[in-house]
C-alpha atoms as a PDB file:
ATOM      1  CA  UNK A   1     101.632  92.840 110.295  1.00  0.00           C
ATOM      2  CA  UNK A   2     100.410  96.403 109.877  1.00  0.00           C
ATOM      3  CA  UNK A   3     100.965  98.572 106.818  1.00  0.00           C
ATOM      4  CA  UNK A   4     102.808 101.090 109.015  1.00  0.00           C
ATOM      5  CA  UNK A   5     105.345  98.471 110.077  1.00  0.00           C
ATOM      6  CA  UNK A   6     105.840  97.325 106.481  1.00  0.00           C
ATOM      7  CA  UNK A   7     106.336 100.938 105.399  1.00  0.00           C
ATOM      8  CA  UNK A   8     108.919 101.431 108.165  1.00  0.00           C
ATOM      9  CA  UNK A   9     110.753  98.234 107.117  1.00  0.00           C
ATOM     10  CA  UNK A  10     110.827  99.522 103.544  1.00  0.00           C
ATOM     11  CA  UNK A  11     111.747 103.162 104.129  1.00  0.00           C
ATOM     12  CA  UNK A  12     114.563 102.567 106.633  1.00  0.00           C
ATOM     13  CA  UNK A  13     116.755 101.342 103.767  1.00  0.00           C
ATOM     14  CA  UNK A  14     116.117 104.509 101.785  1.00  0.00           C
ATOM     15  CA  UNK A  15     117.591 106.895 104.364  1.00  0.00           C
ATOM     16  CA  UNK A  16     117.881 105.845 108.018  1.00  0.00           C
ATOM     17  CA  UNK A  17     119.896 102.680 107.277  1.00  0.00           C
ATOM     18  CA  UNK A  18     120.998 103.283 103.667  1.00  0.00           C
ATOM     19  CA  UNK A  19     123.730 100.645 103.255  1.00  0.00           C
ATOM     20  CA  UNK A  20     126.862 102.478 102.024  1.00  0.00           C
ATOM     21  CA  UNK A  21     126.284 105.708 103.952  1.00  0.00           C
ATOM     22  CA  UNK A  22     124.561 104.817 107.223  1.00  0.00           C
ATOM     23  CA  UNK A  23     125.528 101.195 107.783  1.00  0.00           C
ATOM     24  CA  UNK A  24     128.807 101.568 105.842  1.00  0.00           C
ATOM     25  CA  UNK A  25     128.267  98.139 104.277  1.00  0.00           C
ATOM     26  CA  UNK A  26     128.952  96.942 100.737  1.00  0.00           C
ATOM     27  CA  UNK A  27     131.825  99.354 100.184  1.00  0.00           C
ATOM     28  CA  UNK A  28     133.835  97.017  97.932  1.00  0.00           C
ATOM     29  CA  UNK A  29     131.349  97.136  95.018  1.00  0.00           C
ATOM     30  CA  UNK A  30     130.429 100.713  95.918  1.00  0.00           C
ATOM     31  CA  UNK A  31     133.985 101.856  95.267  1.00  0.00           C
ATOM     32  CA  UNK A  32     134.853  99.451  92.468  1.00  0.00           C
ATOM     33  CA  UNK A  33     131.906  99.612  90.066  1.00  0.00           C
ATOM     34  CA  UNK A  34     130.814 103.248  90.304  1.00  0.00           C
ATOM     35  CA  UNK A  35     132.922 104.732  87.507  1.00  0.00           C
ATOM     36  CA  UNK A  36     129.680 105.423  85.659  1.00  0.00           C
ATOM     37  CA  UNK A  37     125.940 105.580  86.255  1.00  0.00           C
ATOM     38  CA  UNK A  38     125.322 102.442  84.179  1.00  0.00           C
ATOM     39  CA  UNK A  39     127.579 100.180  86.223  1.00  0.00           C
ATOM     40  CA  UNK A  40     126.366 101.565  89.557  1.00  0.00           C
ATOM     41  CA  UNK A  41     122.723 101.144  88.578  1.00  0.00           C
ATOM     42  CA  UNK A  42     123.309  97.652  87.148  1.00  0.00           C
ATOM     43  CA  UNK A  43     125.114  96.469  90.265  1.00  0.00           C
ATOM     44  CA  UNK A  44     122.382  97.924  92.451  1.00  0.00           C
ATOM     45  CA  UNK A  45     119.630  96.110  90.535  1.00  0.00           C
ATOM     46  CA  UNK A  46     121.538  92.823  90.647  1.00  0.00           C
ATOM     47  CA  UNK A  47     122.039  93.100  94.406  1.00  0.00           C
ATOM     48  CA  UNK A  48     118.398  94.128  94.951  1.00  0.00           C
ATOM     49  CA  UNK A  49     117.142  91.016  93.140  1.00  0.00           C
ATOM     50  CA  UNK A  50     119.427  88.740  95.163  1.00  0.00           C
ATOM     51  CA  UNK A  51     118.577  90.524  98.415  1.00  0.00           C
ATOM     52  CA  UNK A  52     114.800  90.339  97.990  1.00  0.00           C
ATOM     53  CA  UNK A  53     114.767  86.726  96.777  1.00  0.00           C
ATOM     54  CA  UNK A  54     117.168  85.471  99.449  1.00  0.00           C
ATOM     55  CA  UNK A  55     115.248  87.350 102.170  1.00  0.00           C
ATOM     56  CA  UNK A  56     112.031  85.653 101.049  1.00  0.00           C
ATOM     57  CA  UNK A  57     113.574  82.163 101.031  1.00  0.00           C
ATOM     58  CA  UNK A  58     115.380  82.621 104.353  1.00  0.00           C
ATOM     59  CA  UNK A  59     112.203  83.959 105.957  1.00  0.00           C
ATOM     60  CA  UNK A  60     110.064  81.164 104.526  1.00  0.00           C
ATOM     61  CA  UNK A  61     112.468  78.476 105.748  1.00  0.00           C
ATOM     62  CA  UNK A  62     113.560  80.065 109.011  1.00  0.00           C
ATOM     63  CA  UNK A  63     111.789  77.483 111.172  1.00  0.00           C
ATOM     64  CA  UNK A  64     113.355  74.616 109.211  1.00  0.00           C
ATOM     65  CA  UNK A  65     116.941  75.927 109.142  1.00  0.00           C
ATOM     66  CA  UNK A  66     118.864  74.750 112.230  1.00  0.00           C
ATOM     67  CA  UNK A  67     120.587  77.629 114.039  1.00  0.00           C
ATOM     68  CA  UNK A  68     123.982  75.884 113.953  1.00  0.00           C
ATOM     69  CA  UNK A  69     124.090  75.740 110.153  1.00  0.00           C
ATOM     70  CA  UNK A  70     122.147  78.876 109.325  1.00  0.00           C
ATOM     71  CA  UNK A  71     125.083  80.828 107.821  1.00  0.00           C
ATOM     72  CA  UNK A  72     126.085  78.051 105.352  1.00  0.00           C
ATOM     73  CA  UNK A  73     122.386  77.713 104.438  1.00  0.00           C
ATOM     74  CA  UNK A  74     122.146  81.471 103.865  1.00  0.00           C
ATOM     75  CA  UNK A  75     125.210  81.377 101.617  1.00  0.00           C
ATOM     76  CA  UNK A  76     123.768  78.522  99.541  1.00  0.00           C
ATOM     77  CA  UNK A  77     120.472  80.389  99.130  1.00  0.00           C
ATOM     78  CA  UNK A  78     122.259  83.638  98.205  1.00  0.00           C
ATOM     79  CA  UNK A  79     124.618  81.821  95.802  1.00  0.00           C
ATOM     80  CA  UNK A  80     121.633  80.300  93.985  1.00  0.00           C
ATOM     81  CA  UNK A  81     120.176  83.720  93.216  1.00  0.00           C
ATOM     82  CA  UNK A  82     123.586  85.142  92.317  1.00  0.00           C
ATOM     83  CA  UNK A  83     123.982  82.397  89.688  1.00  0.00           C
ATOM     84  CA  UNK A  84     120.535  83.280  88.306  1.00  0.00           C
ATOM     85  CA  UNK A  85     121.519  86.974  88.071  1.00  0.00           C
ATOM     86  CA  UNK A  86     124.830  86.074  86.459  1.00  0.00           C
ATOM     87  CA  UNK A  87     123.220  83.865  83.809  1.00  0.00           C
ATOM     88  CA  UNK A  88     120.463  86.408  83.028  1.00  0.00           C
ATOM     89  CA  UNK A  89     123.034  89.205  82.700  1.00  0.00           C
ATOM     90  CA  UNK A  90     125.207  87.076  80.411  1.00  0.00           C
ATOM     91  CA  UNK A  91     122.169  86.362  78.240  1.00  0.00           C
ATOM     92  CA  UNK A  92     120.581  89.824  78.088  1.00  0.00           C
ATOM     93  CA  UNK A  93     123.076  92.503  79.204  1.00  0.00           C
ATOM     94  CA  UNK A  94     126.421  91.016  78.258  1.00  0.00           C
ATOM     95  CA  UNK A  95     128.337  94.338  77.886  1.00  0.00           C
ATOM     96  CA  UNK A  96     127.231  95.363  81.399  1.00  0.00           C
ATOM     97  CA  UNK A  97     128.102  91.912  82.708  1.00  0.00           C
ATOM     98  CA  UNK A  98     131.648  92.344  81.339  1.00  0.00           C
ATOM     99  CA  UNK A  99     131.966  95.770  83.000  1.00  0.00           C
ATOM    100  CA  UNK A 100     130.859  94.467  86.394  1.00  0.00           C
ATOM    101  CA  UNK A 101     133.125  91.435  86.110  1.00  0.00           C
ATOM    102  CA  UNK A 102     134.018  89.628  89.330  1.00  0.00           C
ATOM    103  CA  UNK A 103     131.722  91.814  91.433  1.00  0.00           C
ATOM    104  CA  UNK A 104     128.594  89.934  90.331  1.00  0.00           C
ATOM    105  CA  UNK A 105     129.784  86.567  91.758  1.00  0.00           C
ATOM    106  CA  UNK A 106     131.052  88.408  94.850  1.00  0.00           C
ATOM    107  CA  UNK A 107     127.461  89.329  95.765  1.00  0.00           C
ATOM    108  CA  UNK A 108     127.462  85.904  97.455  1.00  0.00           C
ATOM    109  CA  UNK A 109     129.679  87.265 100.231  1.00  0.00           C
ATOM    110  CA  UNK A 110     128.342  90.822 100.222  1.00  0.00           C
ATOM    111  CA  UNK A 111     127.805  91.806 103.838  1.00  0.00           C
ATOM    112  CA  UNK A 112     124.551  93.610 103.017  1.00  0.00           C
ATOM    113  CA  UNK A 113     122.867  90.461 101.693  1.00  0.00           C
ATOM    114  CA  UNK A 114     124.254  88.131 104.360  1.00  0.00           C
ATOM    115  CA  UNK A 115     123.630  90.710 107.086  1.00  0.00           C
ATOM    116  CA  UNK A 116     119.968  91.183 106.133  1.00  0.00           C
ATOM    117  CA  UNK A 117     119.452  87.413 106.020  1.00  0.00           C
ATOM    118  CA  UNK A 118     120.973  87.021 109.497  1.00  0.00           C
ATOM    119  CA  UNK A 119     119.679  90.179 111.195  1.00  0.00           C
ATOM    120  CA  UNK A 120     116.230  90.472 109.635  1.00  0.00           C
ATOM    121  CA  UNK A 121     114.864  87.720 107.380  1.00  0.00           C
ATOM    122  CA  UNK A 122     115.744  84.884 109.796  1.00  0.00           C
ATOM    123  CA  UNK A 123     113.699  86.622 112.522  1.00  0.00           C
ATOM    124  CA  UNK A 124     110.739  88.059 110.577  1.00  0.00           C
ATOM    125  CA  UNK A 125     107.916  87.044 108.272  1.00  0.00           C
ATOM    126  CA  UNK A 126     107.916  87.023 104.480  1.00  0.00           C
ATOM    127  CA  UNK A 127     106.083  90.356 104.025  1.00  0.00           C
ATOM    128  CA  UNK A 128     108.457  92.230 106.300  1.00  0.00           C
ATOM    129  CA  UNK A 129     111.449  90.528 104.669  1.00  0.00           C
ATOM    130  CA  UNK A 130     110.310  91.597 101.197  1.00  0.00           C
ATOM    131  CA  UNK A 131     109.856  95.189 102.415  1.00  0.00           C
ATOM    132  CA  UNK A 132     113.272  95.145 104.093  1.00  0.00           C
ATOM    133  CA  UNK A 133     115.000  93.660 101.039  1.00  0.00           C
ATOM    134  CA  UNK A 134     113.357  96.118  98.639  1.00  0.00           C
ATOM    135  CA  UNK A 135     114.151  99.115 100.827  1.00  0.00           C
ATOM    136  CA  UNK A 136     117.780  98.156 101.370  1.00  0.00           C
ATOM    137  CA  UNK A 137     118.216  97.192  97.712  1.00  0.00           C
ATOM    138  CA  UNK A 138     116.671 100.378  96.344  1.00  0.00           C
ATOM    139  CA  UNK A 139     118.696 102.460  98.809  1.00  0.00           C
ATOM    140  CA  UNK A 140     121.871 100.685  97.678  1.00  0.00           C
ATOM    141  CA  UNK A 141     120.933 101.175  94.006  1.00  0.00           C
ATOM    142  CA  UNK A 142     120.302 104.882  94.506  1.00  0.00           C
ATOM    143  CA  UNK A 143     123.604 105.258  96.368  1.00  0.00           C
ATOM    144  CA  UNK A 144     125.620 103.545  93.637  1.00  0.00           C
ATOM    145  CA  UNK A 145     123.764 105.397  90.865  1.00  0.00           C
ATOM    146  CA  UNK A 146     124.373 108.822  92.415  1.00  0.00           C
ATOM    147  CA  UNK A 147     128.023 108.049  93.163  1.00  0.00           C
ATOM    148  CA  UNK A 148     128.516 106.659  89.645  1.00  0.00           C
ATOM    149  CA  UNK A 149     126.831 109.689  88.091  1.00  0.00           C
ATOM    150  CA  UNK A 150     129.034 112.154  89.962  1.00  0.00           C
ATOM    151  CA  UNK A 151     132.199 110.260  89.068  1.00  0.00           C
ATOM    152  CA  UNK A 152     131.177 109.894  85.411  1.00  0.00           C
ATOM    153  CA  UNK A 153     130.120 113.531  84.984  1.00  0.00           C
ATOM    154  CA  UNK A 154     133.232 115.053  86.546  1.00  0.00           C
ATOM    155  CA  UNK A 155     135.699 112.297  85.680  1.00  0.00           C
ATOM    156  CA  UNK A 156     134.761 111.747  82.040  1.00  0.00           C
ATOM    157  CA  UNK A 157     132.475 114.658  81.177  1.00  0.00           C
ATOM    158  CA  UNK A 158     129.738 112.252  80.126  1.00  0.00           C
ATOM    159  CA  UNK A 159     126.450 110.843  81.382  1.00  0.00           C
ATOM    160  CA  UNK A 160     125.269 107.483  80.049  1.00  0.00           C
ATOM    161  CA  UNK A 161     128.197 107.670  77.653  1.00  0.00           C
ATOM    162  CA  UNK A 162     127.091 110.955  76.058  1.00  0.00           C
ATOM    163  CA  UNK A 163     129.183 114.130  76.352  1.00  0.00           C
ATOM    164  CA  UNK A 164     127.446 116.786  78.429  1.00  0.00           C
ATOM    165  CA  UNK A 165     130.067 119.539  78.377  1.00  0.00           C
ATOM    166  CA  UNK A 166     131.615 121.413  75.492  1.00  0.00           C
ATOM    167  CA  UNK A 167     134.823 120.455  73.714  1.00  0.00           C
ATOM    168  CA  UNK A 168     136.851 122.711  76.007  1.00  0.00           C
ATOM    169  CA  UNK A 169     135.940 120.680  79.124  1.00  0.00           C
ATOM    170  CA  UNK A 170     138.922 118.986  80.745  1.00  0.00           C
ATOM    171  CA  UNK A 171     137.729 115.901  82.654  1.00  0.00           C
ATOM    172  CA  UNK A 172     138.880 115.550  86.242  1.00  0.00           C
ATOM    173  CA  UNK A 173     140.206 112.031  85.577  1.00  0.00           C
ATOM    174  CA  UNK A 174     141.107 111.563  89.242  1.00  0.00           C
ATOM    175  CA  UNK A 175     137.383 110.950  89.845  1.00  0.00           C
ATOM    176  CA  UNK A 176     137.248 107.766  87.772  1.00  0.00           C
ATOM    177  CA  UNK A 177     140.314 106.247  89.444  1.00  0.00           C
ATOM    178  CA  UNK A 178     140.421 104.355  92.762  1.00  0.00           C
ATOM    179  CA  UNK A 179     141.433 107.334  94.943  1.00  0.00           C
ATOM    180  CA  UNK A 180     138.627 109.382  93.382  1.00  0.00           C
ATOM    181  CA  UNK A 181     136.118 106.764  94.540  1.00  0.00           C
ATOM    182  CA  UNK A 182     137.305 107.160  98.142  1.00  0.00           C
ATOM    183  CA  UNK A 183     137.259 110.965  97.974  1.00  0.00           C
ATOM    184  CA  UNK A 184     133.801 111.087  96.383  1.00  0.00           C
ATOM    185  CA  UNK A 185     132.414 108.543  98.867  1.00  0.00           C
ATOM    186  CA  UNK A 186     133.929 110.492 101.760  1.00  0.00           C
ATOM    187  CA  UNK A 187     132.393 113.755 100.559  1.00  0.00           C
ATOM    188  CA  UNK A 188     129.013 112.089 100.137  1.00  0.00           C
ATOM    189  CA  UNK A 189     129.284 110.563 103.637  1.00  0.00           C
ATOM    190  CA  UNK A 190     130.050 114.033 105.006  1.00  0.00           C
ATOM    191  CA  UNK A 191     127.017 115.554 103.250  1.00  0.00           C
ATOM    192  CA  UNK A 192     124.788 112.714 104.493  1.00  0.00           C
ATOM    193  CA  UNK A 193     126.000 113.244 108.053  1.00  0.00           C
ATOM    194  CA  UNK A 194     125.381 116.996 107.828  1.00  0.00           C
ATOM    195  CA  UNK A 195     121.872 116.464 106.521  1.00  0.00           C
ATOM    196  CA  UNK A 196     121.204 113.745 109.106  1.00  0.00           C
ATOM    197  CA  UNK A 197     122.367 115.861 112.026  1.00  0.00           C
ATOM    198  CA  UNK A 198     119.852 118.664 111.358  1.00  0.00           C
END
């Protein structure tokens, strides 16, 4: 496989097929965990690890996995890496693990991970699957980090927990609540579509 093809597999996840904005996938964690930069970034890294590792295993075993049971096999592979992420986060980043809560185990059924296993890794080699997983994962991480940053800055007046405005700043608390997530995501989708249409 050529370097150009690998680069295309990697970069499509950074803009052309960026999961929350172009493919409109993975919206549950996108909306739920992006109250702050830290949680968005942490969720993105966790999903990237699972995505890359599961893509590699699905690609490596694609000729051994019978087509009729491929989806249950994908779920078992994905669940294995989700458990690894969960245990590592409990051991080393416990406060972040508590903030992300149920959304770490729910990576198992995240449509981005399962979709990439089905649509890409099951049909392509290991190198291409790594590039695809990294691109999609990094694109997802950037999306969640930017969304979390915007919501944290305007909704709490902080970034990484530190105040960035003066004492007179009145936080727009709507931004850190559920409706604020939808509004912020919608505005970002609109901006992405404007940029993409030029």
